Amino acid sequence: MTKTFLAALAALGVLTGPASAGALTTFASGYSPGTIVISQHLRKLFFVVEPGEAIAYPVAVPKRGKEWRGFARVDGKYVDPAWEAPASVKRDHPELTGVIPGGAPNNPMGVRAITLDRSEVAIHGTTRRMRASVGTAASYGCIRMYNEDVLDLYERVSVGAEVVMVP
């Protein structure tokens, strides 16, 4: 993967159709079907369904200073996951203690979590209160989706799938 290719992707060079939640869009890339490509700049997650075609979802991406780039793999899939604030979040919000059970209305993981082989990073749903963050740079490293979109992606993605974060 060249820097030129990644720069072209981030600069919208791969998109020729409209991208809305769950909509198929033209996605001219060399990624294999089943790959997740996340564009920090576009604040979109693309699930490659076949060569030249992907499903696009709006997402919240990591905020300044918490960004990450490069490759990861899906290492788990969870229904109604429980949540405990990771160490990086606790440093900024020491009031967050304990575990929030799965299914609780204040659980920031939402209805599904797709964990990555990076420390404390997941693609997950969101709470009603945090829905407005989708489309912004708001997280501590996770990719936040609308619950209805993470439900769709959860059914499509496999453990072991490649995930790529580009600028």
C-alpha atoms as a PDB file:
ATOM      1  CA  MET A   1       0.000   0.000   0.000  1.00  0.00           C
ATOM      2  CA  THR A   2       1.597   3.272  -1.087  1.00  0.00           C
ATOM      3  CA  LYS A   3       1.235   6.640   0.586  1.00  0.00           C
ATOM      4  CA  THR A   4       0.042   7.995  -2.752  1.00  0.00           C
ATOM      5  CA  PHE A   5      -2.813   5.492  -2.842  1.00  0.00           C
ATOM      6  CA  LEU A   6      -3.837   6.272   0.741  1.00  0.00           C
ATOM      7  CA  ALA A   7      -3.696  10.013   0.050  1.00  0.00           C
ATOM      8  CA  ALA A   8      -5.875   9.565  -3.024  1.00  0.00           C
ATOM      9  CA  LEU A   9      -8.393   7.551  -1.010  1.00  0.00           C
ATOM     10  CA  ALA A  10      -8.577  10.196   1.716  1.00  0.00           C
ATOM     11  CA  ALA A  11      -8.958  12.940  -0.888  1.00  0.00           C
ATOM     12  CA  LEU A  12     -12.168  11.361  -2.226  1.00  0.00           C
ATOM     13  CA  GLY A  13     -10.474  10.049  -5.322  1.00  0.00           C
ATOM     14  CA  VAL A  14     -12.126   6.641  -4.932  1.00  0.00           C
ATOM     15  CA  LEU A  15     -15.726   7.737  -4.613  1.00  0.00           C
ATOM     16  CA  THR A  16     -17.913   8.312  -7.616  1.00  0.00           C
ATOM     17  CA  GLY A  17     -21.347   7.783  -6.095  1.00  0.00           C
ATOM     18  CA  PRO A  18     -23.247   9.147  -3.139  1.00  0.00           C
ATOM     19  CA  ALA A  19     -22.338   7.654   0.230  1.00  0.00           C
ATOM     20  CA  SER A  20     -25.095   7.418   2.801  1.00  0.00           C
ATOM     21  CA  ALA A  21     -25.699   5.013   5.670  1.00  0.00           C
ATOM     22  CA  GLY A  22     -25.834   1.477   4.372  1.00  0.00           C
ATOM     23  CA  ALA A  23     -25.817   2.610   0.736  1.00  0.00           C
ATOM     24  CA  LEU A  24     -23.689   0.913  -1.894  1.00  0.00           C
ATOM     25  CA  THR A  25     -21.126   3.246  -3.356  1.00  0.00           C
ATOM     26  CA  THR A  26     -18.447   2.923  -5.988  1.00  0.00           C
ATOM     27  CA  PHE A  27     -15.182   2.266  -4.193  1.00  0.00           C
ATOM     28  CA  ALA A  28     -12.250   1.801  -6.532  1.00  0.00           C
ATOM     29  CA  SER A  29      -9.574   0.293  -4.321  1.00  0.00           C
ATOM     30  CA  GLY A  30      -7.367  -2.747  -4.154  1.00  0.00           C
ATOM     31  CA  TYR A  31      -8.975  -4.011  -0.946  1.00  0.00           C
ATOM     32  CA  SER A  32     -10.537  -7.464  -0.841  1.00  0.00           C
ATOM     33  CA  PRO A  33     -14.212  -8.090  -0.102  1.00  0.00           C
ATOM     34  CA  GLY A  34     -14.775  -8.215   3.654  1.00  0.00           C
ATOM     35  CA  THR A  35     -12.233  -5.475   4.390  1.00  0.00           C
ATOM     36  CA  ILE A  36     -13.242  -2.445   6.465  1.00  0.00           C
ATOM     37  CA  VAL A  37     -11.675   0.854   5.390  1.00  0.00           C
ATOM     38  CA  ILE A  38     -12.155   3.841   7.704  1.00  0.00           C
ATOM     39  CA  SER A  39     -11.483   7.342   6.388  1.00  0.00           C
ATOM     40  CA  GLN A  40     -10.553   9.752   9.179  1.00  0.00           C
ATOM     41  CA  HIS A  41     -11.042  12.715   6.830  1.00  0.00           C
ATOM     42  CA  LEU A  42     -14.403  11.646   5.426  1.00  0.00           C
ATOM     43  CA  ARG A  43     -15.650  10.257   8.734  1.00  0.00           C
ATOM     44  CA  LYS A  44     -16.940   7.227   6.893  1.00  0.00           C
ATOM     45  CA  LEU A  45     -16.492   3.497   7.268  1.00  0.00           C
ATOM     46  CA  PHE A  46     -16.512   1.485   4.051  1.00  0.00           C
ATOM     47  CA  PHE A  47     -17.219  -2.244   4.057  1.00  0.00           C
ATOM     48  CA  VAL A  48     -15.907  -3.672   0.787  1.00  0.00           C
ATOM     49  CA  VAL A  49     -18.525  -6.045  -0.656  1.00  0.00           C
ATOM     50  CA  GLU A  50     -16.885  -6.733  -4.012  1.00  0.00           C
ATOM     51  CA  PRO A  51     -14.137  -5.218  -6.131  1.00  0.00           C
ATOM     52  CA  GLY A  52     -15.117  -1.615  -6.857  1.00  0.00           C
ATOM     53  CA  GLU A  53     -18.103  -1.577  -4.482  1.00  0.00           C
ATOM     54  CA  ALA A  54     -18.554  -0.886  -0.769  1.00  0.00           C
ATOM     55  CA  ILE A  55     -21.255  -0.086   1.749  1.00  0.00           C
ATOM     56  CA  ALA A  56     -20.654   3.330   3.323  1.00  0.00           C
ATOM     57  CA  TYR A  57     -21.596   4.249   6.895  1.00  0.00           C
ATOM     58  CA  PRO A  58     -21.114   7.574   8.703  1.00  0.00           C
ATOM     59  CA  VAL A  59     -18.968   7.247  11.834  1.00  0.00           C
ATOM     60  CA  ALA A  60     -17.359   9.200  14.645  1.00  0.00           C
ATOM     61  CA  VAL A  61     -13.594   8.854  14.471  1.00  0.00           C
ATOM     62  CA  PRO A  62     -10.871   9.410  17.091  1.00  0.00           C
ATOM     63  CA  LYS A  63     -10.378  12.984  18.224  1.00  0.00           C
ATOM     64  CA  ARG A  64      -7.140  14.926  17.779  1.00  0.00           C
ATOM     65  CA  GLY A  65      -4.331  13.245  19.668  1.00  0.00           C
ATOM     66  CA  LYS A  66      -6.137   9.887  19.811  1.00  0.00           C
ATOM     67  CA  GLU A  67      -6.000   9.069  16.080  1.00  0.00           C
ATOM     68  CA  TRP A  68      -4.429   5.915  14.754  1.00  0.00           C
ATOM     69  CA  ARG A  69      -3.495   4.858  11.257  1.00  0.00           C
ATOM     70  CA  GLY A  70      -2.688   1.635   9.521  1.00  0.00           C
ATOM     71  CA  PHE A  71      -3.870  -1.919   9.750  1.00  0.00           C
ATOM     72  CA  ALA A  72      -5.734  -3.944  12.360  1.00  0.00           C
ATOM     73  CA  ARG A  73      -7.840  -7.102  12.404  1.00  0.00           C
ATOM     74  CA  VAL A  74     -11.243  -7.860  13.862  1.00  0.00           C
ATOM     75  CA  ASP A  75     -10.589 -10.047  16.902  1.00  0.00           C
ATOM     76  CA  GLY A  76     -14.077 -10.320  18.403  1.00  0.00           C
ATOM     77  CA  LYS A  77     -17.789  -9.619  17.996  1.00  0.00           C
ATOM     78  CA  TYR A  78     -20.058  -8.931  20.971  1.00  0.00           C
ATOM     79  CA  VAL A  79     -23.814  -8.528  21.471  1.00  0.00           C
ATOM     80  CA  ASP A  80     -24.853  -5.944  24.102  1.00  0.00           C
ATOM     81  CA  PRO A  81     -21.295  -5.606  25.415  1.00  0.00           C
ATOM     82  CA  ALA A  82     -20.583  -4.385  28.936  1.00  0.00           C
ATOM     83  CA  TRP A  83     -18.286  -1.360  29.176  1.00  0.00           C
ATOM     84  CA  GLU A  84     -15.657  -0.166  31.605  1.00  0.00           C
ATOM     85  CA  ALA A  85     -13.785   3.055  30.884  1.00  0.00           C
ATOM     86  CA  PRO A  86     -10.345   2.271  29.445  1.00  0.00           C
ATOM     87  CA  ALA A  87      -7.313   3.737  31.212  1.00  0.00           C
ATOM     88  CA  SER A  88      -6.973   6.488  28.584  1.00  0.00           C
ATOM     89  CA  VAL A  89     -10.538   7.652  29.283  1.00  0.00           C
ATOM     90  CA  LYS A  90     -10.188   7.345  33.077  1.00  0.00           C
ATOM     91  CA  ARG A  91      -7.192   9.691  33.023  1.00  0.00           C
ATOM     92  CA  ASP A  92      -9.425  12.457  31.639  1.00  0.00           C
ATOM     93  CA  HIS A  93     -12.601  11.359  33.466  1.00  0.00           C
ATOM     94  CA  PRO A  94     -11.689   9.829  36.844  1.00  0.00           C
ATOM     95  CA  GLU A  95     -15.369   9.888  37.833  1.00  0.00           C
ATOM     96  CA  LEU A  96     -16.011   6.994  35.432  1.00  0.00           C
ATOM     97  CA  THR A  97     -15.691   3.931  37.612  1.00  0.00           C
ATOM     98  CA  GLY A  98     -17.199   0.494  37.499  1.00  0.00           C
ATOM     99  CA  VAL A  99     -18.739  -1.521  34.702  1.00  0.00           C
ATOM    100  CA  ILE A 100     -21.827  -0.444  32.779  1.00  0.00           C
ATOM    101  CA  PRO A 101     -23.777  -3.589  31.885  1.00  0.00           C
ATOM    102  CA  GLY A 102     -24.657  -4.438  28.315  1.00  0.00           C
ATOM    103  CA  GLY A 103     -28.054  -3.150  27.285  1.00  0.00           C
ATOM    104  CA  ALA A 104     -27.997  -0.280  29.805  1.00  0.00           C
ATOM    105  CA  PRO A 105     -29.172   2.989  28.226  1.00  0.00           C
ATOM    106  CA  ASN A 106     -25.965   4.762  29.312  1.00  0.00           C
ATOM    107  CA  ASN A 107     -23.609   2.090  27.918  1.00  0.00           C
ATOM    108  CA  PRO A 108     -21.439   3.894  25.324  1.00  0.00           C
ATOM    109  CA  MET A 109     -20.853   0.660  23.373  1.00  0.00           C
ATOM    110  CA  GLY A 110     -24.432   0.520  22.132  1.00  0.00           C
ATOM    111  CA  VAL A 111     -25.961  -2.722  20.881  1.00  0.00           C
ATOM    112  CA  ARG A 112     -22.865  -4.318  19.278  1.00  0.00           C
ATOM    113  CA  ALA A 113     -19.092  -4.129  19.475  1.00  0.00           C
ATOM    114  CA  ILE A 114     -16.572  -5.320  16.926  1.00  0.00           C
ATOM    115  CA  THR A 115     -13.223  -5.368  18.710  1.00  0.00           C
ATOM    116  CA  LEU A 116      -9.879  -4.885  17.005  1.00  0.00           C
ATOM    117  CA  ASP A 117      -6.462  -6.293  17.785  1.00  0.00           C
ATOM    118  CA  ARG A 118      -5.364  -2.866  19.025  1.00  0.00           C
ATOM    119  CA  SER A 119      -5.439  -2.010  22.698  1.00  0.00           C
ATOM    120  CA  GLU A 120      -8.868  -0.755  23.804  1.00  0.00           C
ATOM    121  CA  VAL A 121     -10.203  -0.067  20.295  1.00  0.00           C
ATOM    122  CA  ALA A 122     -13.532  -1.200  18.861  1.00  0.00           C
ATOM    123  CA  ILE A 123     -16.100  -0.359  16.231  1.00  0.00           C
ATOM    124  CA  HIS A 124     -19.312  -0.012  18.199  1.00  0.00           C
ATOM    125  CA  GLY A 125     -22.768   1.487  18.482  1.00  0.00           C
ATOM    126  CA  THR A 126     -23.685   4.485  20.570  1.00  0.00           C
ATOM    127  CA  THR A 127     -26.131   5.795  23.131  1.00  0.00           C
ATOM    128  CA  ARG A 128     -29.064   8.032  22.321  1.00  0.00           C
ATOM    129  CA  ARG A 129     -27.231  10.914  23.993  1.00  0.00           C
ATOM    130  CA  MET A 130     -24.103  10.426  21.867  1.00  0.00           C
ATOM    131  CA  ARG A 131     -25.770   9.927  18.451  1.00  0.00           C
ATOM    132  CA  ALA A 132     -24.897  13.507  17.531  1.00  0.00           C
ATOM    133  CA  SER A 133     -21.190  12.627  17.687  1.00  0.00           C
ATOM    134  CA  VAL A 134     -21.443  10.471  14.535  1.00  0.00           C
ATOM    135  CA  GLY A 135     -19.847  12.466  11.736  1.00  0.00           C
ATOM    136  CA  THR A 136     -17.358  14.135  14.094  1.00  0.00           C
ATOM    137  CA  ALA A 137     -13.939  13.437  15.614  1.00  0.00           C
ATOM    138  CA  ALA A 138     -14.999  12.528  19.149  1.00  0.00           C
ATOM    139  CA  SER A 139     -13.625   9.242  20.457  1.00  0.00           C
ATOM    140  CA  TYR A 140     -10.556   7.994  22.305  1.00  0.00           C
ATOM    141  CA  GLY A 141      -9.638   5.667  19.437  1.00  0.00           C
ATOM    142  CA  CYS A 142     -12.857   3.771  18.793  1.00  0.00           C
ATOM    143  CA  ILE A 143     -15.077   4.072  15.764  1.00  0.00           C
ATOM    144  CA  ARG A 144     -18.599   5.018  16.830  1.00  0.00           C
ATOM    145  CA  MET A 145     -21.606   4.155  14.640  1.00  0.00           C
ATOM    146  CA  TYR A 146     -25.365   4.532  14.823  1.00  0.00           C
ATOM    147  CA  ASN A 147     -26.811   1.400  16.457  1.00  0.00           C
ATOM    148  CA  GLU A 148     -28.802   0.513  13.328  1.00  0.00           C
ATOM    149  CA  ASP A 149     -25.602   0.697  11.242  1.00  0.00           C
ATOM    150  CA  VAL A 150     -23.450  -1.345  13.631  1.00  0.00           C
ATOM    151  CA  LEU A 151     -26.183  -4.018  13.628  1.00  0.00           C
ATOM    152  CA  ASP A 152     -25.880  -4.223   9.836  1.00  0.00           C
ATOM    153  CA  LEU A 153     -22.076  -4.231   9.817  1.00  0.00           C
ATOM    154  CA  TYR A 154     -21.948  -6.818  12.630  1.00  0.00           C
ATOM    155  CA  GLU A 155     -23.831  -9.309  10.447  1.00  0.00           C
ATOM    156  CA  ARG A 156     -21.502  -8.711   7.486  1.00  0.00           C
ATOM    157  CA  VAL A 157     -18.035  -8.687   9.039  1.00  0.00           C
ATOM    158  CA  SER A 158     -16.037 -11.751  10.085  1.00  0.00           C
ATOM    159  CA  VAL A 159     -13.562 -12.241  12.901  1.00  0.00           C
ATOM    160  CA  GLY A 160     -10.125 -11.958  11.292  1.00  0.00           C
ATOM    161  CA  ALA A 161     -11.267  -9.345   8.748  1.00  0.00           C
ATOM    162  CA  GLU A 162      -8.743  -6.660   7.901  1.00  0.00           C
ATOM    163  CA  VAL A 163      -9.430  -3.101   9.063  1.00  0.00           C
ATOM    164  CA  VAL A 164      -7.568  -0.143   7.594  1.00  0.00           C
ATOM    165  CA  MET A 165      -7.607   3.402   8.999  1.00  0.00           C
ATOM    166  CA  VAL A 166      -6.516   6.040   6.500  1.00  0.00           C
ATOM    167  CA  PRO A 167      -6.100   9.792   6.998  1.00  0.00           C
END
